[in-house]
Amino acid sequence: MPIELKANAVRLFAEIGFLGLGRGCGDEAEVIFDMLRSLRPGEEVGAIGAALTSLSENRPDAAVKALKAAQQTPAVMAFAALAHARLGETAQARALVEDLESMGAELALLEMAQGALGGG
């Protein structure tokens, strides 16, 4: 029988994962975000959380992989720009920033992606 997570449960697990990540519990956060990616593959939170976990462990290649497999929402694209920049793939990061600009992404996401390139 498949497990179904309601939206409030997804939000709670995501908050626990992000809190754990912020407190240095990367392994535990990774388990939570992997579970969210498995149970809710269409939602961005699992992929973004997994990418942030990878980035915190200096594994930008794993972050890029997690984000590439996700639905390409503006938030996923902004974090992908950050991961590509950390990997040294500035051309790919710049292309993602340009895509975000052309689609009129939220200012916070755009500034984060631009900041990854060292400017705005």
Protein backbone atom coordinates (compact mmCIF):
# COMPACT_ATOMS: atom_id res chain seq x y z
CA MET A 1 0.00 0.00 0.00
CA PRO A 2 1.53 3.36 -1.04
CA ILE A 3 2.21 5.97 1.58
CA GLU A 4 0.41 9.26 1.07
CA LEU A 5 1.67 12.44 2.68
CA LYS A 6 -0.74 15.30 3.12
CA ALA A 7 0.54 18.83 2.48
CA ASN A 8 0.90 19.66 6.17
CA ALA A 9 3.00 16.52 6.73
CA VAL A 10 5.24 17.43 3.80
CA ARG A 11 5.69 20.90 5.26
CA LEU A 12 6.51 19.47 8.69
CA PHE A 13 9.07 17.00 7.33
CA ALA A 14 10.63 19.75 5.21
CA GLU A 15 10.94 22.04 8.23
CA ILE A 16 12.54 19.24 10.26
CA GLY A 17 14.95 18.54 7.41
CA PHE A 18 15.94 22.20 7.04
CA LEU A 19 16.32 22.61 10.82
CA GLY A 20 18.48 19.49 10.95
CA LEU A 21 20.60 20.73 8.09
CA GLY A 22 21.06 24.06 9.85
CA ARG A 23 22.20 22.25 12.98
CA GLY A 24 24.76 20.07 11.27
CA CYS A 25 22.67 16.91 10.96
CA GLY A 26 23.22 16.49 7.23
CA ASP A 27 22.86 12.71 7.19
CA GLU A 28 19.49 12.86 8.90
CA ALA A 29 18.32 15.75 6.71
CA GLU A 30 19.34 13.80 3.60
CA VAL A 31 17.15 10.87 4.67
CA ILE A 32 14.18 13.20 5.10
CA PHE A 33 14.67 14.94 1.75
CA ASP A 34 15.19 11.62 -0.06
CA MET A 35 11.92 10.41 1.44
CA LEU A 36 10.16 13.57 0.27
CA ARG A 37 11.59 13.16 -3.24
CA SER A 38 10.34 9.56 -3.31
CA LEU A 39 6.86 10.23 -1.97
CA ARG A 40 6.27 13.61 -3.62
CA PRO A 41 8.43 13.63 -6.77
CA GLY A 42 6.47 16.48 -8.33
CA GLU A 43 7.25 18.88 -5.51
CA GLU A 44 10.42 20.92 -5.35
CA VAL A 45 11.10 20.76 -1.61
CA GLY A 46 12.73 17.32 -1.63
CA ALA A 47 15.08 18.19 -4.48
CA ILE A 48 16.00 21.59 -3.06
CA GLY A 49 16.59 20.10 0.39
CA ALA A 50 18.73 17.32 -1.07
CA ALA A 51 20.70 19.90 -3.07
CA LEU A 52 21.28 22.09 -0.02
CA THR A 53 22.41 19.05 1.92
CA SER A 54 24.88 18.21 -0.85
CA LEU A 55 26.10 21.80 -1.04
CA SER A 56 26.64 21.90 2.73
CA GLU A 57 28.84 18.81 2.34
CA ASN A 58 30.78 20.43 -0.54
CA ARG A 59 29.25 18.09 -3.14
CA PRO A 60 27.94 20.51 -5.77
CA ASP A 61 27.90 17.74 -8.39
CA ALA A 62 25.33 15.82 -6.32
CA ALA A 63 23.33 19.04 -5.88
CA VAL A 64 23.24 19.57 -9.66
CA LYS A 65 22.11 15.97 -10.16
CA ALA A 66 19.30 16.26 -7.60
CA LEU A 67 18.04 19.50 -9.13
CA LYS A 68 18.33 18.28 -12.72
CA ALA A 69 15.96 15.42 -11.89
CA ALA A 70 13.34 17.79 -10.42
CA GLN A 71 10.57 19.69 -12.12
CA GLN A 72 12.18 22.92 -13.32
CA THR A 73 10.41 25.53 -11.23
CA PRO A 74 11.95 28.98 -10.70
CA ALA A 75 13.14 27.93 -7.22
CA VAL A 76 14.77 24.76 -8.55
CA MET A 77 16.42 26.76 -11.32
CA ALA A 78 17.76 29.36 -8.85
CA PHE A 79 19.29 26.68 -6.65
CA ALA A 80 20.64 24.95 -9.76
CA ALA A 81 22.39 28.20 -10.72
CA LEU A 82 23.97 28.25 -7.27
CA ALA A 83 25.07 24.61 -7.56
CA HIS A 84 26.50 25.09 -11.06
CA ALA A 85 28.40 28.17 -9.88
CA ARG A 86 29.83 26.24 -6.93
CA LEU A 87 30.87 23.52 -9.37
CA GLY A 88 32.65 26.12 -11.51
CA GLU A 89 30.18 25.81 -14.37
CA THR A 90 29.59 29.55 -14.72
CA ALA A 91 28.21 29.39 -18.26
CA GLN A 92 25.44 27.02 -17.15
CA ALA A 93 24.77 29.12 -14.04
CA ARG A 94 24.60 32.30 -16.15
CA ALA A 95 22.18 30.63 -18.59
CA LEU A 96 19.89 29.71 -15.69
CA VAL A 97 20.02 33.28 -14.37
CA GLU A 98 19.09 34.57 -17.81
CA ASP A 99 16.17 32.13 -17.95
CA LEU A 100 15.01 33.31 -14.53
CA GLU A 101 15.22 36.93 -15.66
CA SER A 102 13.25 36.26 -18.85
CA MET A 103 10.49 34.44 -16.98
CA GLY A 104 10.15 37.22 -14.40
CA ALA A 105 11.12 35.08 -11.40
CA GLU A 106 10.65 36.41 -7.88
CA LEU A 107 13.26 38.97 -6.90
CA ALA A 108 14.62 36.89 -3.99
CA LEU A 109 15.28 33.91 -6.26
CA LEU A 110 16.82 36.09 -8.93
CA GLU A 111 19.10 37.84 -6.45
CA MET A 112 20.24 34.52 -4.99
CA ALA A 113 21.04 33.13 -8.44
CA GLN A 114 22.82 36.34 -9.48
CA GLY A 115 24.73 36.38 -6.20
CA ALA A 116 26.09 32.93 -6.96
CA LEU A 117 27.80 34.50 -9.96
CA GLY A 118 29.27 37.26 -7.83
CA GLY A 119 27.00 40.07 -8.89
CA GLY A 120 23.59 41.25 -9.86
